[in-house]
Amino acid sequence: MAKFAFVYHGGKAPEGEEEQAKVMAAWGAWMQGMGASLVEGGNPFGPSKTVNADGSVADGGGANPASGYSMIEAADIDEAVAHAKGCPILVDGGSVEVCEAFDM
């Protein structure tokens, strides 16, 4: 099995306790549905900075900054993508970048 990172982009923060509970329940159900494939649930990201090759620093992420991550195990990238298609961030207009993570 290979490891894959899910890097979340976009989405929106839930407004109010009721919406937050609903969103957290959706994420919990999705993650639980992946079973043993889920290696690390991950965390959301806050604002970032990008350090460029010339040493300059800019607000991070450009037009579509990363908003969080998770790690899973899957047989191949197609299986990982199939898991990503159920991610709750997609409902809020976000996206999931799927990248294989190599052990070094």
N, C-alpha and C. Protein backbone atom coordinates (compact mmCIF):
# COMPACT_ATOMS: atom_id res chain seq x y z
N MET A 1 0.84 -1.19 0.00
CA MET A 1 0.00 0.00 0.00
C MET A 1 0.89 1.25 0.00
N ALA A 2 0.48 2.21 -0.76
CA ALA A 2 1.18 3.48 -0.83
C ALA A 2 0.47 4.51 0.06
N LYS A 3 1.18 5.54 0.47
CA LYS A 3 0.60 6.63 1.24
C LYS A 3 0.28 7.78 0.30
N PHE A 4 -0.84 8.44 0.58
CA PHE A 4 -1.26 9.58 -0.21
C PHE A 4 -1.68 10.71 0.73
N ALA A 5 -1.29 11.92 0.35
CA ALA A 5 -1.72 13.11 1.07
C ALA A 5 -2.94 13.68 0.37
N PHE A 6 -3.92 14.04 1.15
CA PHE A 6 -5.04 14.83 0.66
C PHE A 6 -4.76 16.25 1.13
N VAL A 7 -4.58 17.16 0.20
CA VAL A 7 -4.38 18.56 0.55
C VAL A 7 -5.66 19.29 0.15
N TYR A 8 -6.32 19.85 1.14
CA TYR A 8 -7.60 20.51 0.92
C TYR A 8 -7.36 21.98 0.55
N HIS A 9 -8.17 22.44 -0.42
CA HIS A 9 -8.11 23.83 -0.85
C HIS A 9 -9.52 24.40 -0.80
N GLY A 10 -9.63 25.62 -0.30
CA GLY A 10 -10.91 26.31 -0.30
C GLY A 10 -11.87 25.79 0.75
N GLY A 11 -13.13 25.79 0.40
CA GLY A 11 -14.17 25.47 1.38
C GLY A 11 -14.50 26.72 2.17
N LYS A 12 -15.35 26.58 3.14
CA LYS A 12 -15.70 27.74 3.96
C LYS A 12 -15.86 27.29 5.41
N ALA A 13 -15.58 28.18 6.30
CA ALA A 13 -15.74 27.88 7.72
C ALA A 13 -17.23 27.89 8.06
N PRO A 14 -17.67 26.90 8.85
CA PRO A 14 -19.08 26.87 9.23
C PRO A 14 -19.45 28.06 10.11
N GLU A 15 -20.67 28.53 9.95
CA GLU A 15 -21.17 29.66 10.73
C GLU A 15 -22.10 29.17 11.82
N GLY A 16 -21.75 29.39 13.04
CA GLY A 16 -22.58 29.01 14.17
C GLY A 16 -22.35 27.58 14.61
N GLU A 17 -22.77 27.31 15.83
CA GLU A 17 -22.55 26.00 16.44
C GLU A 17 -23.29 24.88 15.73
N GLU A 18 -24.50 25.13 15.28
CA GLU A 18 -25.29 24.09 14.62
C GLU A 18 -24.64 23.66 13.30
N GLU A 19 -24.23 24.64 12.49
CA GLU A 19 -23.58 24.32 11.23
C GLU A 19 -22.23 23.64 11.47
N GLN A 20 -21.51 24.11 12.49
CA GLN A 20 -20.22 23.50 12.82
C GLN A 20 -20.41 22.02 13.19
N ALA A 21 -21.41 21.72 13.99
CA ALA A 21 -21.67 20.34 14.38
C ALA A 21 -22.02 19.49 13.16
N LYS A 22 -22.80 20.04 12.25
CA LYS A 22 -23.19 19.32 11.04
C LYS A 22 -21.96 19.03 10.16
N VAL A 23 -21.11 20.03 9.99
CA VAL A 23 -19.90 19.87 9.18
C VAL A 23 -18.96 18.86 9.82
N MET A 24 -18.76 18.94 11.12
CA MET A 24 -17.87 18.01 11.82
C MET A 24 -18.41 16.58 11.73
N ALA A 25 -19.71 16.42 11.79
CA ALA A 25 -20.32 15.09 11.67
C ALA A 25 -20.08 14.53 10.27
N ALA A 26 -20.17 15.38 9.24
CA ALA A 26 -19.94 14.93 7.86
C ALA A 26 -18.48 14.50 7.68
N TRP A 27 -17.56 15.29 8.23
CA TRP A 27 -16.14 14.93 8.13
C TRP A 27 -15.86 13.64 8.90
N GLY A 28 -16.44 13.51 10.08
CA GLY A 28 -16.25 12.30 10.89
C GLY A 28 -16.77 11.06 10.19
N ALA A 29 -17.95 11.17 9.58
CA ALA A 29 -18.54 10.02 8.87
C ALA A 29 -17.69 9.64 7.66
N TRP A 30 -17.20 10.66 6.92
CA TRP A 30 -16.37 10.38 5.75
C TRP A 30 -15.07 9.70 6.17
N MET A 31 -14.43 10.23 7.20
CA MET A 31 -13.17 9.64 7.66
C MET A 31 -13.38 8.23 8.21
N GLN A 32 -14.45 8.05 8.97
CA GLN A 32 -14.75 6.72 9.51
C GLN A 32 -15.03 5.74 8.37
N GLY A 33 -15.66 6.21 7.31
CA GLY A 33 -15.97 5.37 6.16
C GLY A 33 -14.74 4.87 5.43
N MET A 34 -13.61 5.57 5.59
CA MET A 34 -12.37 5.10 4.96
C MET A 34 -11.72 3.98 5.75
N GLY A 35 -12.19 3.74 6.96
CA GLY A 35 -11.67 2.64 7.77
C GLY A 35 -10.17 2.70 7.97
N ALA A 36 -9.51 1.54 7.80
CA ALA A 36 -8.08 1.43 8.03
C ALA A 36 -7.25 2.19 7.01
N SER A 37 -7.87 2.65 5.92
CA SER A 37 -7.13 3.43 4.92
C SER A 37 -6.67 4.77 5.47
N LEU A 38 -7.40 5.30 6.44
CA LEU A 38 -7.05 6.60 7.02
C LEU A 38 -5.86 6.43 7.95
N VAL A 39 -4.74 7.03 7.60
CA VAL A 39 -3.51 6.95 8.40
C VAL A 39 -3.47 8.07 9.43
N GLU A 40 -3.83 9.28 8.98
CA GLU A 40 -3.82 10.46 9.85
C GLU A 40 -4.93 11.39 9.41
N GLY A 41 -5.81 11.72 10.33
CA GLY A 41 -6.92 12.61 10.01
C GLY A 41 -6.49 13.99 9.59
N GLY A 42 -5.32 14.41 10.09
CA GLY A 42 -4.76 15.71 9.72
C GLY A 42 -5.33 16.85 10.52
N ASN A 43 -5.19 18.05 9.96
CA ASN A 43 -5.62 19.28 10.61
C ASN A 43 -5.91 20.34 9.58
N PRO A 44 -6.71 21.33 9.98
CA PRO A 44 -6.90 22.48 9.09
C PRO A 44 -5.66 23.38 9.17
N PHE A 45 -5.48 24.23 8.15
CA PHE A 45 -4.38 25.19 8.11
C PHE A 45 -4.91 26.60 8.32
N GLY A 46 -4.07 27.44 8.88
CA GLY A 46 -4.36 28.87 8.99
C GLY A 46 -3.67 29.61 7.86
N PRO A 47 -3.60 30.92 7.96
CA PRO A 47 -2.92 31.72 6.93
C PRO A 47 -1.47 31.27 6.77
N SER A 48 -0.96 31.41 5.54
CA SER A 48 0.41 30.98 5.28
C SER A 48 1.21 32.06 4.57
N LYS A 49 2.51 31.83 4.46
CA LYS A 49 3.43 32.67 3.71
C LYS A 49 4.19 31.78 2.74
N THR A 50 4.55 32.31 1.60
CA THR A 50 5.37 31.59 0.63
C THR A 50 6.73 32.25 0.57
N VAL A 51 7.78 31.44 0.76
CA VAL A 51 9.15 31.92 0.65
C VAL A 51 9.63 31.54 -0.75
N ASN A 52 9.99 32.52 -1.55
CA ASN A 52 10.41 32.30 -2.93
C ASN A 52 11.91 32.08 -3.03
N ALA A 53 12.35 31.56 -4.17
CA ALA A 53 13.77 31.25 -4.39
C ALA A 53 14.67 32.47 -4.20
N ASP A 54 14.17 33.65 -4.49
CA ASP A 54 14.98 34.86 -4.33
C ASP A 54 14.96 35.40 -2.90
N GLY A 55 14.29 34.68 -2.00
CA GLY A 55 14.22 35.10 -0.60
C GLY A 55 13.04 35.99 -0.28
N SER A 56 12.31 36.43 -1.29
CA SER A 56 11.14 37.26 -1.03
C SER A 56 10.04 36.42 -0.40
N VAL A 57 9.17 37.08 0.32
CA VAL A 57 8.08 36.41 1.03
C VAL A 57 6.77 37.05 0.59
N ALA A 58 5.79 36.20 0.30
CA ALA A 58 4.47 36.67 -0.12
C ALA A 58 3.41 35.94 0.68
N ASP A 59 2.19 36.49 0.67
CA ASP A 59 1.09 35.76 1.28
C ASP A 59 0.98 34.42 0.57
N GLY A 60 0.80 33.36 1.34
CA GLY A 60 0.87 32.01 0.80
C GLY A 60 -0.34 31.56 0.01
N GLY A 61 -0.07 30.61 -0.87
CA GLY A 61 -1.13 29.91 -1.56
C GLY A 61 -1.73 30.58 -2.77
N GLY A 62 -1.42 31.82 -3.01
CA GLY A 62 -1.99 32.48 -4.18
C GLY A 62 -3.51 32.52 -4.12
N ALA A 63 -4.13 32.24 -5.26
CA ALA A 63 -5.58 32.35 -5.37
C ALA A 63 -6.32 31.20 -4.70
N ASN A 64 -5.63 30.07 -4.46
CA ASN A 64 -6.30 28.90 -3.90
C ASN A 64 -5.42 28.26 -2.83
N PRO A 65 -5.28 28.90 -1.67
CA PRO A 65 -4.37 28.37 -0.65
C PRO A 65 -4.84 27.05 -0.05
N ALA A 66 -3.88 26.28 0.43
CA ALA A 66 -4.20 25.03 1.13
C ALA A 66 -4.94 25.37 2.42
N SER A 67 -5.96 24.55 2.74
CA SER A 67 -6.74 24.80 3.96
C SER A 67 -6.66 23.64 4.95
N GLY A 68 -5.94 22.55 4.61
CA GLY A 68 -5.76 21.45 5.53
C GLY A 68 -5.24 20.22 4.82
N TYR A 69 -5.10 19.13 5.57
CA TYR A 69 -4.57 17.90 4.99
C TYR A 69 -5.05 16.67 5.76
N SER A 70 -4.93 15.51 5.12
CA SER A 70 -5.08 14.19 5.75
C SER A 70 -4.12 13.25 5.03
N MET A 71 -3.84 12.10 5.63
CA MET A 71 -3.00 11.08 5.01
C MET A 71 -3.76 9.76 5.00
N ILE A 72 -3.72 9.07 3.84
CA ILE A 72 -4.37 7.77 3.73
C ILE A 72 -3.40 6.77 3.12
N GLU A 73 -3.76 5.50 3.16
CA GLU A 73 -3.08 4.45 2.43
C GLU A 73 -4.05 3.92 1.39
N ALA A 74 -3.54 3.65 0.20
CA ALA A 74 -4.36 3.10 -0.88
C ALA A 74 -3.47 2.29 -1.81
N ALA A 75 -4.08 1.41 -2.58
CA ALA A 75 -3.33 0.57 -3.51
C ALA A 75 -2.66 1.41 -4.60
N ASP A 76 -3.34 2.49 -5.03
CA ASP A 76 -2.80 3.34 -6.08
C ASP A 76 -3.53 4.69 -6.04
N ILE A 77 -3.10 5.60 -6.90
CA ILE A 77 -3.69 6.94 -6.88
C ILE A 77 -5.17 6.92 -7.26
N ASP A 78 -5.57 5.98 -8.12
CA ASP A 78 -6.99 5.92 -8.49
C ASP A 78 -7.87 5.56 -7.29
N GLU A 79 -7.39 4.65 -6.44
CA GLU A 79 -8.14 4.31 -5.22
C GLU A 79 -8.18 5.51 -4.28
N ALA A 80 -7.05 6.22 -4.17
CA ALA A 80 -7.00 7.41 -3.31
C ALA A 80 -7.98 8.47 -3.81
N VAL A 81 -8.02 8.68 -5.13
CA VAL A 81 -8.94 9.64 -5.72
C VAL A 81 -10.39 9.24 -5.44
N ALA A 82 -10.68 7.95 -5.50
CA ALA A 82 -12.04 7.48 -5.21
C ALA A 82 -12.44 7.85 -3.78
N HIS A 83 -11.51 7.72 -2.83
CA HIS A 83 -11.79 8.14 -1.45
C HIS A 83 -12.01 9.65 -1.39
N ALA A 84 -11.18 10.41 -2.10
CA ALA A 84 -11.26 11.88 -2.06
C ALA A 84 -12.59 12.39 -2.60
N LYS A 85 -13.19 11.67 -3.51
CA LYS A 85 -14.45 12.12 -4.12
C LYS A 85 -15.59 12.23 -3.11
N GLY A 86 -15.45 11.60 -1.94
CA GLY A 86 -16.48 11.70 -0.91
C GLY A 86 -16.22 12.78 0.12
N CYS A 87 -15.16 13.56 -0.06
CA CYS A 87 -14.77 14.56 0.94
C CYS A 87 -15.82 15.66 1.10
N PRO A 88 -16.18 15.98 2.34
CA PRO A 88 -17.17 17.04 2.58
C PRO A 88 -16.77 18.42 2.09
N ILE A 89 -15.49 18.68 1.90
CA ILE A 89 -15.08 20.02 1.43
C ILE A 89 -15.61 20.31 0.04
N LEU A 90 -15.88 19.25 -0.72
CA LEU A 90 -16.39 19.42 -2.09
C LEU A 90 -17.78 20.05 -2.09
N VAL A 91 -18.55 19.77 -1.05
CA VAL A 91 -19.90 20.33 -0.92
C VAL A 91 -19.85 21.85 -0.78
N ASP A 92 -18.77 22.34 -0.15
CA ASP A 92 -18.62 23.78 0.08
C ASP A 92 -17.81 24.47 -1.01
N GLY A 93 -17.65 23.81 -2.17
CA GLY A 93 -16.94 24.43 -3.28
C GLY A 93 -15.44 24.30 -3.21
N GLY A 94 -14.93 23.52 -2.26
CA GLY A 94 -13.49 23.31 -2.15
C GLY A 94 -13.02 22.21 -3.07
N SER A 95 -11.74 21.88 -2.97
CA SER A 95 -11.17 20.80 -3.78
C SER A 95 -10.18 20.00 -2.94
N VAL A 96 -9.84 18.81 -3.44
CA VAL A 96 -8.88 17.94 -2.77
C VAL A 96 -7.78 17.61 -3.76
N GLU A 97 -6.57 17.98 -3.43
CA GLU A 97 -5.40 17.61 -4.22
C GLU A 97 -4.89 16.29 -3.66
N VAL A 98 -4.68 15.30 -4.51
CA VAL A 98 -4.24 13.97 -4.08
C VAL A 98 -2.81 13.78 -4.57
N CYS A 99 -1.88 13.53 -3.64
CA CYS A 99 -0.46 13.39 -3.96
C CYS A 99 0.10 12.15 -3.28
N GLU A 100 0.86 11.34 -4.01
CA GLU A 100 1.53 10.21 -3.37
C GLU A 100 2.66 10.75 -2.51
N ALA A 101 2.79 10.19 -1.31
CA ALA A 101 3.85 10.56 -0.37
C ALA A 101 4.84 9.41 -0.29
N PHE A 102 6.08 9.68 -0.62
CA PHE A 102 7.09 8.63 -0.65
C PHE A 102 7.87 8.59 0.66
N ASP A 103 8.09 7.39 1.18
CA ASP A 103 8.94 7.22 2.36
C ASP A 103 10.39 7.41 1.94
N MET A 104 11.14 8.13 2.74
CA MET A 104 12.55 8.36 2.43
C MET A 104 13.42 7.74 3.51
